[in-house]
Amino acid sequence: MAYWLFKSEPNTWGWDDQLAKGDAGEEWNGVRNYQARNFMRAMKLGDRGFFYHSLTEKSVVGIVEVCAEVHPDSSSDDPRWECVDIKAIRPFTRPVSLDEIKATPALAEMVLVRNSRLSVQPVTEAEWREICRMGQTDPE
């Protein structure tokens, strides 16, 4: 299993919106960055991800799972853009802020710390476990 981070502005698509989609999940569409798109191409069913609220909150708020592998992005007629579908698994017991992540030496090399603008990014297993620990949330 691989781990990922999906960033969204909470006023555009927040954790509550994702949760409301239930087991059917929702397309992670609208991504127009080649590197982020390529990460989605690498995703497999069952991969897990952090749901991250960007802008004002800047924190990990939940865990999602890839429920459909890469397919054409329905929000674009351009065949270059693809996306995956994700479904909510569980909220974090305690959100983990970007400031906390940046202050944790074990997370210093995390993509979120080094390239915070990328909307879809990989997370190592060690980073996954550390952030789940910080958020008092079961990593499984």
N, C-alpha and C. Protein backbone atom coordinates (compact mmCIF):
# COMPACT_ATOMS: atom_id res chain seq x y z
N MET A 1 0.84 -1.18 0.00
CA MET A 1 0.00 0.00 0.00
C MET A 1 0.89 1.24 0.00
N ALA A 2 0.47 2.23 -0.76
CA ALA A 2 1.16 3.51 -0.78
C ALA A 2 0.31 4.54 -0.04
N TYR A 3 0.96 5.63 0.35
CA TYR A 3 0.29 6.69 1.10
C TYR A 3 0.44 8.01 0.35
N TRP A 4 -0.57 8.86 0.50
CA TRP A 4 -0.65 10.10 -0.25
C TRP A 4 -1.23 11.20 0.61
N LEU A 5 -1.19 12.42 0.09
CA LEU A 5 -1.85 13.56 0.72
C LEU A 5 -2.62 14.31 -0.36
N PHE A 6 -3.89 14.59 -0.07
CA PHE A 6 -4.78 15.32 -0.98
C PHE A 6 -5.14 16.64 -0.33
N LYS A 7 -4.82 17.74 -0.99
CA LYS A 7 -5.08 19.07 -0.44
C LYS A 7 -6.32 19.68 -1.08
N SER A 8 -7.14 20.31 -0.25
CA SER A 8 -8.31 21.01 -0.77
C SER A 8 -8.62 22.21 0.11
N GLU A 9 -9.12 23.24 -0.53
CA GLU A 9 -9.59 24.40 0.21
C GLU A 9 -10.92 24.02 0.85
N PRO A 10 -11.05 24.14 2.17
CA PRO A 10 -12.27 23.67 2.83
C PRO A 10 -13.55 24.38 2.39
N ASN A 11 -13.43 25.60 1.89
CA ASN A 11 -14.63 26.30 1.43
C ASN A 11 -15.04 25.86 0.02
N THR A 12 -14.15 25.14 -0.69
CA THR A 12 -14.45 24.61 -2.01
C THR A 12 -14.89 23.15 -1.91
N TRP A 13 -14.11 22.33 -1.24
CA TRP A 13 -14.42 20.92 -1.00
C TRP A 13 -13.74 20.52 0.29
N GLY A 14 -14.52 20.40 1.35
CA GLY A 14 -13.96 20.11 2.66
C GLY A 14 -14.22 18.69 3.11
N TRP A 15 -13.69 18.37 4.27
CA TRP A 15 -13.84 17.04 4.84
C TRP A 15 -15.31 16.64 4.95
N ASP A 16 -16.17 17.55 5.38
CA ASP A 16 -17.60 17.23 5.51
C ASP A 16 -18.21 16.88 4.16
N ASP A 17 -17.78 17.55 3.09
CA ASP A 17 -18.26 17.22 1.74
C ASP A 17 -17.82 15.81 1.36
N GLN A 18 -16.55 15.51 1.65
CA GLN A 18 -16.02 14.18 1.32
C GLN A 18 -16.75 13.11 2.11
N LEU A 19 -16.95 13.35 3.38
CA LEU A 19 -17.65 12.40 4.25
C LEU A 19 -19.07 12.14 3.75
N ALA A 20 -19.73 13.16 3.27
CA ALA A 20 -21.12 13.04 2.80
C ALA A 20 -21.24 12.13 1.57
N LYS A 21 -20.16 11.91 0.84
CA LYS A 21 -20.20 11.05 -0.35
C LYS A 21 -20.20 9.57 0.00
N GLY A 22 -19.93 9.23 1.24
CA GLY A 22 -20.00 7.85 1.68
C GLY A 22 -19.03 6.93 0.96
N ASP A 23 -19.42 5.65 0.86
CA ASP A 23 -18.56 4.64 0.24
C ASP A 23 -18.40 4.84 -1.26
N ALA A 24 -19.30 5.56 -1.89
CA ALA A 24 -19.18 5.81 -3.33
C ALA A 24 -17.98 6.71 -3.63
N GLY A 25 -17.64 7.56 -2.68
CA GLY A 25 -16.52 8.47 -2.87
C GLY A 25 -16.81 9.53 -3.90
N GLU A 26 -15.74 10.20 -4.33
CA GLU A 26 -15.86 11.32 -5.26
C GLU A 26 -14.57 11.44 -6.06
N GLU A 27 -14.71 11.90 -7.30
CA GLU A 27 -13.53 12.19 -8.11
C GLU A 27 -12.68 13.26 -7.44
N TRP A 28 -11.37 13.07 -7.49
CA TRP A 28 -10.46 14.13 -7.05
C TRP A 28 -10.08 14.90 -8.31
N ASN A 29 -11.04 15.65 -8.83
CA ASN A 29 -10.88 16.28 -10.14
C ASN A 29 -10.38 17.72 -10.04
N GLY A 30 -10.11 18.29 -11.19
CA GLY A 30 -9.68 19.68 -11.25
C GLY A 30 -8.19 19.90 -11.07
N VAL A 31 -7.42 18.83 -10.90
CA VAL A 31 -5.97 18.96 -10.74
C VAL A 31 -5.36 19.25 -12.11
N ARG A 32 -4.63 20.35 -12.18
CA ARG A 32 -4.03 20.76 -13.46
C ARG A 32 -2.52 20.96 -13.31
N ASN A 33 -1.91 20.02 -12.63
CA ASN A 33 -0.47 20.01 -12.44
C ASN A 33 0.02 18.63 -12.86
N TYR A 34 0.99 18.58 -13.77
CA TYR A 34 1.45 17.30 -14.31
C TYR A 34 2.02 16.37 -13.24
N GLN A 35 2.78 16.93 -12.31
CA GLN A 35 3.37 16.09 -11.27
C GLN A 35 2.28 15.47 -10.39
N ALA A 36 1.29 16.27 -10.00
CA ALA A 36 0.19 15.76 -9.19
C ALA A 36 -0.61 14.72 -9.97
N ARG A 37 -0.86 14.97 -11.25
CA ARG A 37 -1.56 14.01 -12.10
C ARG A 37 -0.78 12.70 -12.18
N ASN A 38 0.52 12.79 -12.32
CA ASN A 38 1.35 11.58 -12.41
C ASN A 38 1.31 10.78 -11.11
N PHE A 39 1.25 11.48 -9.99
CA PHE A 39 1.10 10.76 -8.72
C PHE A 39 -0.22 10.00 -8.71
N MET A 40 -1.30 10.61 -9.21
CA MET A 40 -2.59 9.90 -9.25
C MET A 40 -2.51 8.69 -10.18
N ARG A 41 -1.75 8.79 -11.25
CA ARG A 41 -1.57 7.65 -12.15
C ARG A 41 -0.92 6.47 -11.44
N ALA A 42 -0.13 6.74 -10.42
CA ALA A 42 0.57 5.68 -9.69
C ALA A 42 -0.28 5.05 -8.59
N MET A 43 -1.42 5.64 -8.28
CA MET A 43 -2.26 5.16 -7.18
C MET A 43 -2.97 3.87 -7.53
N LYS A 44 -3.16 3.04 -6.50
CA LYS A 44 -3.85 1.76 -6.63
C LYS A 44 -5.04 1.73 -5.67
N LEU A 45 -6.01 0.88 -6.01
CA LEU A 45 -7.16 0.69 -5.12
C LEU A 45 -6.67 0.34 -3.72
N GLY A 46 -7.25 0.98 -2.73
CA GLY A 46 -6.89 0.69 -1.35
C GLY A 46 -5.78 1.54 -0.80
N ASP A 47 -5.04 2.27 -1.65
CA ASP A 47 -4.04 3.20 -1.13
C ASP A 47 -4.74 4.18 -0.20
N ARG A 48 -4.05 4.63 0.82
CA ARG A 48 -4.61 5.56 1.80
C ARG A 48 -4.00 6.95 1.60
N GLY A 49 -4.75 7.94 2.05
CA GLY A 49 -4.27 9.31 1.94
C GLY A 49 -4.76 10.17 3.08
N PHE A 50 -4.01 11.23 3.33
CA PHE A 50 -4.46 12.26 4.26
C PHE A 50 -5.34 13.24 3.50
N PHE A 51 -6.41 13.68 4.12
CA PHE A 51 -7.24 14.76 3.59
C PHE A 51 -6.78 16.01 4.32
N TYR A 52 -6.26 16.97 3.56
CA TYR A 52 -5.62 18.16 4.12
C TYR A 52 -6.41 19.40 3.74
N HIS A 53 -6.82 20.17 4.73
CA HIS A 53 -7.47 21.45 4.49
C HIS A 53 -6.38 22.52 4.32
N SER A 54 -6.37 23.15 3.15
CA SER A 54 -5.37 24.19 2.88
C SER A 54 -5.94 25.57 3.24
N LEU A 55 -5.22 26.58 2.88
CA LEU A 55 -5.55 27.99 3.12
C LEU A 55 -5.57 28.33 4.59
N THR A 56 -6.74 28.57 5.16
CA THR A 56 -6.80 29.08 6.53
C THR A 56 -6.50 28.03 7.59
N GLU A 57 -6.98 26.80 7.40
CA GLU A 57 -6.80 25.77 8.43
C GLU A 57 -5.41 25.14 8.38
N LYS A 58 -4.94 24.83 7.19
CA LYS A 58 -3.63 24.19 6.99
C LYS A 58 -3.40 23.05 7.97
N SER A 59 -4.25 22.00 7.84
CA SER A 59 -4.10 20.86 8.72
C SER A 59 -4.66 19.59 8.10
N VAL A 60 -4.09 18.47 8.54
CA VAL A 60 -4.59 17.15 8.17
C VAL A 60 -5.82 16.91 9.04
N VAL A 61 -6.95 16.58 8.39
CA VAL A 61 -8.20 16.44 9.14
C VAL A 61 -8.83 15.06 9.02
N GLY A 62 -8.35 14.22 8.09
CA GLY A 62 -8.96 12.92 7.93
C GLY A 62 -8.14 11.98 7.08
N ILE A 63 -8.63 10.73 7.01
CA ILE A 63 -8.01 9.69 6.19
C ILE A 63 -9.00 9.28 5.11
N VAL A 64 -8.48 9.18 3.88
CA VAL A 64 -9.27 8.74 2.73
C VAL A 64 -8.62 7.52 2.10
N GLU A 65 -9.37 6.88 1.21
CA GLU A 65 -8.87 5.70 0.51
C GLU A 65 -9.20 5.84 -0.97
N VAL A 66 -8.26 5.42 -1.81
CA VAL A 66 -8.50 5.41 -3.25
C VAL A 66 -9.52 4.31 -3.54
N CYS A 67 -10.67 4.69 -4.14
CA CYS A 67 -11.73 3.72 -4.41
C CYS A 67 -11.97 3.53 -5.91
N ALA A 68 -11.27 4.29 -6.75
CA ALA A 68 -11.27 4.08 -8.19
C ALA A 68 -9.93 4.58 -8.73
N GLU A 69 -9.27 3.73 -9.51
CA GLU A 69 -7.98 4.10 -10.07
C GLU A 69 -8.15 5.15 -11.16
N VAL A 70 -7.04 5.63 -11.65
CA VAL A 70 -7.00 6.76 -12.58
C VAL A 70 -7.95 6.57 -13.78
N HIS A 71 -8.63 7.66 -14.11
CA HIS A 71 -9.58 7.69 -15.22
C HIS A 71 -9.69 9.12 -15.71
N PRO A 72 -10.31 9.37 -16.86
CA PRO A 72 -10.44 10.75 -17.34
C PRO A 72 -11.15 11.65 -16.32
N ASP A 73 -10.65 12.84 -16.17
CA ASP A 73 -11.23 13.84 -15.27
C ASP A 73 -12.49 14.40 -15.92
N SER A 74 -13.63 14.20 -15.29
CA SER A 74 -14.90 14.63 -15.87
C SER A 74 -15.06 16.14 -15.93
N SER A 75 -14.18 16.88 -15.25
CA SER A 75 -14.27 18.34 -15.28
C SER A 75 -13.47 18.96 -16.43
N SER A 76 -12.92 18.10 -17.31
CA SER A 76 -12.11 18.60 -18.43
C SER A 76 -12.38 17.79 -19.69
N ASP A 77 -12.36 18.47 -20.83
CA ASP A 77 -12.43 17.79 -22.11
C ASP A 77 -11.05 17.44 -22.65
N ASP A 78 -10.01 17.87 -21.94
CA ASP A 78 -8.63 17.64 -22.35
C ASP A 78 -8.20 16.25 -21.86
N PRO A 79 -7.85 15.34 -22.75
CA PRO A 79 -7.49 13.98 -22.34
C PRO A 79 -6.22 13.88 -21.49
N ARG A 80 -5.46 14.94 -21.38
CA ARG A 80 -4.25 14.91 -20.55
C ARG A 80 -4.59 14.83 -19.07
N TRP A 81 -5.79 15.28 -18.68
CA TRP A 81 -6.12 15.38 -17.26
C TRP A 81 -6.92 14.18 -16.80
N GLU A 82 -6.38 13.54 -15.79
CA GLU A 82 -6.97 12.34 -15.21
C GLU A 82 -7.06 12.50 -13.70
N CYS A 83 -7.83 11.62 -13.08
CA CYS A 83 -7.97 11.70 -11.63
C CYS A 83 -8.32 10.32 -11.07
N VAL A 84 -8.33 10.22 -9.76
CA VAL A 84 -8.78 9.03 -9.05
C VAL A 84 -10.03 9.42 -8.27
N ASP A 85 -10.72 8.43 -7.73
CA ASP A 85 -11.82 8.68 -6.80
C ASP A 85 -11.33 8.30 -5.41
N ILE A 86 -11.76 9.07 -4.42
CA ILE A 86 -11.41 8.76 -3.03
C ILE A 86 -12.67 8.76 -2.18
N LYS A 87 -12.61 7.98 -1.10
CA LYS A 87 -13.71 7.96 -0.13
C LYS A 87 -13.15 8.20 1.26
N ALA A 88 -13.97 8.80 2.11
CA ALA A 88 -13.57 9.07 3.49
C ALA A 88 -13.53 7.77 4.28
N ILE A 89 -12.50 7.62 5.11
CA ILE A 89 -12.39 6.46 5.99
C ILE A 89 -12.68 6.86 7.43
N ARG A 90 -11.97 7.89 7.93
CA ARG A 90 -12.22 8.35 9.30
C ARG A 90 -11.63 9.74 9.48
N PRO A 91 -12.25 10.53 10.34
CA PRO A 91 -11.67 11.84 10.67
C PRO A 91 -10.50 11.66 11.63
N PHE A 92 -9.65 12.65 11.67
CA PHE A 92 -8.60 12.65 12.67
C PHE A 92 -9.22 12.98 14.03
N THR A 93 -8.74 12.32 15.08
CA THR A 93 -9.21 12.63 16.43
C THR A 93 -8.86 14.07 16.77
N ARG A 94 -7.66 14.45 16.36
CA ARG A 94 -7.18 15.82 16.56
C ARG A 94 -6.48 16.24 15.29
N PRO A 95 -6.95 17.30 14.61
CA PRO A 95 -6.26 17.76 13.39
C PRO A 95 -4.78 18.06 13.67
N VAL A 96 -3.95 17.80 12.68
CA VAL A 96 -2.51 18.06 12.79
C VAL A 96 -2.18 19.21 11.85
N SER A 97 -1.71 20.31 12.42
CA SER A 97 -1.45 21.52 11.64
C SER A 97 -0.12 21.47 10.89
N LEU A 98 -0.04 22.27 9.85
CA LEU A 98 1.20 22.40 9.10
C LEU A 98 2.32 22.89 10.01
N ASP A 99 2.03 23.80 10.92
CA ASP A 99 3.06 24.28 11.85
C ASP A 99 3.61 23.13 12.70
N GLU A 100 2.73 22.24 13.16
CA GLU A 100 3.19 21.09 13.95
C GLU A 100 4.05 20.17 13.09
N ILE A 101 3.61 19.94 11.85
CA ILE A 101 4.36 19.08 10.95
C ILE A 101 5.75 19.67 10.70
N LYS A 102 5.82 20.97 10.43
CA LYS A 102 7.11 21.63 10.18
C LYS A 102 8.01 21.61 11.41
N ALA A 103 7.42 21.57 12.60
CA ALA A 103 8.20 21.59 13.84
C ALA A 103 8.68 20.20 14.26
N THR A 104 8.30 19.17 13.53
CA THR A 104 8.65 17.79 13.88
C THR A 104 9.84 17.34 13.04
N PRO A 105 11.01 17.15 13.67
CA PRO A 105 12.22 16.78 12.92
C PRO A 105 12.04 15.56 12.03
N ALA A 106 11.28 14.57 12.46
CA ALA A 106 11.08 13.35 11.68
C ALA A 106 10.33 13.62 10.37
N LEU A 107 9.70 14.79 10.25
CA LEU A 107 8.92 15.13 9.06
C LEU A 107 9.59 16.21 8.20
N ALA A 108 10.83 16.52 8.49
CA ALA A 108 11.54 17.62 7.81
C ALA A 108 11.67 17.41 6.30
N GLU A 109 11.71 16.17 5.85
CA GLU A 109 11.86 15.88 4.42
C GLU A 109 10.53 15.62 3.71
N MET A 110 9.45 15.75 4.42
CA MET A 110 8.13 15.50 3.84
C MET A 110 7.87 16.47 2.69
N VAL A 111 7.23 15.97 1.62
CA VAL A 111 6.92 16.82 0.47
C VAL A 111 6.10 18.03 0.90
N LEU A 112 5.17 17.84 1.82
CA LEU A 112 4.34 18.96 2.30
C LEU A 112 5.19 20.08 2.88
N VAL A 113 6.28 19.75 3.51
CA VAL A 113 7.18 20.74 4.10
C VAL A 113 8.03 21.40 3.02
N ARG A 114 8.50 20.61 2.05
CA ARG A 114 9.40 21.12 1.03
C ARG A 114 8.69 21.76 -0.16
N ASN A 115 7.46 21.31 -0.48
CA ASN A 115 6.73 21.82 -1.64
C ASN A 115 5.25 21.88 -1.28
N SER A 116 4.90 22.82 -0.42
CA SER A 116 3.55 22.87 0.13
C SER A 116 2.49 23.24 -0.90
N ARG A 117 2.87 23.66 -2.10
CA ARG A 117 1.88 24.05 -3.10
C ARG A 117 1.30 22.87 -3.88
N LEU A 118 1.98 21.74 -3.89
CA LEU A 118 1.54 20.59 -4.67
C LEU A 118 0.27 19.99 -4.06
N SER A 119 -0.79 19.86 -4.89
CA SER A 119 -2.11 19.47 -4.37
C SER A 119 -2.28 17.97 -4.12
N VAL A 120 -1.49 17.15 -4.77
CA VAL A 120 -1.49 15.70 -4.54
C VAL A 120 -0.03 15.31 -4.42
N GLN A 121 0.31 14.60 -3.35
CA GLN A 121 1.71 14.29 -3.11
C GLN A 121 1.88 12.99 -2.35
N PRO A 122 3.03 12.34 -2.51
CA PRO A 122 3.28 11.10 -1.78
C PRO A 122 3.65 11.36 -0.33
N VAL A 123 3.41 10.35 0.49
CA VAL A 123 3.74 10.37 1.92
C VAL A 123 4.43 9.04 2.20
N THR A 124 5.54 9.05 2.90
CA THR A 124 6.21 7.79 3.24
C THR A 124 5.44 7.10 4.36
N GLU A 125 5.71 5.81 4.53
CA GLU A 125 5.04 5.08 5.61
C GLU A 125 5.42 5.65 6.97
N ALA A 126 6.68 6.04 7.15
CA ALA A 126 7.12 6.62 8.43
C ALA A 126 6.39 7.95 8.69
N GLU A 127 6.25 8.78 7.66
CA GLU A 127 5.52 10.05 7.80
C GLU A 127 4.06 9.78 8.13
N TRP A 128 3.49 8.79 7.45
CA TRP A 128 2.09 8.41 7.69
C TRP A 128 1.88 8.06 9.16
N ARG A 129 2.73 7.19 9.67
CA ARG A 129 2.58 6.74 11.06
C ARG A 129 2.80 7.88 12.05
N GLU A 130 3.76 8.74 11.78
CA GLU A 130 4.04 9.86 12.69
C GLU A 130 2.87 10.85 12.73
N ILE A 131 2.32 11.20 11.59
CA ILE A 131 1.20 12.15 11.57
C ILE A 131 -0.04 11.52 12.20
N CYS A 132 -0.28 10.25 11.97
CA CYS A 132 -1.41 9.59 12.63
C CYS A 132 -1.21 9.59 14.14
N ARG A 133 0.02 9.33 14.59
CA ARG A 133 0.32 9.37 16.03
C ARG A 133 0.04 10.76 16.58
N MET A 134 0.51 11.79 15.88
CA MET A 134 0.31 13.16 16.32
C MET A 134 -1.19 13.51 16.39
N GLY A 135 -1.96 12.96 15.47
CA GLY A 135 -3.39 13.23 15.41
C GLY A 135 -4.23 12.26 16.22
N GLN A 136 -3.55 11.39 16.99
CA GLN A 136 -4.22 10.42 17.86
C GLN A 136 -5.24 9.59 17.08
N THR A 137 -4.82 9.17 15.87
CA THR A 137 -5.71 8.47 14.95
C THR A 137 -5.06 7.16 14.51
N ASP A 138 -5.85 6.10 14.46
CA ASP A 138 -5.36 4.78 14.03
C ASP A 138 -4.84 4.86 12.61
N PRO A 139 -3.60 4.45 12.35
CA PRO A 139 -3.03 4.53 11.00
C PRO A 139 -3.56 3.45 10.06
N GLU A 140 -4.21 2.44 10.59
CA GLU A 140 -4.69 1.34 9.76
C GLU A 140 -6.03 1.69 9.26
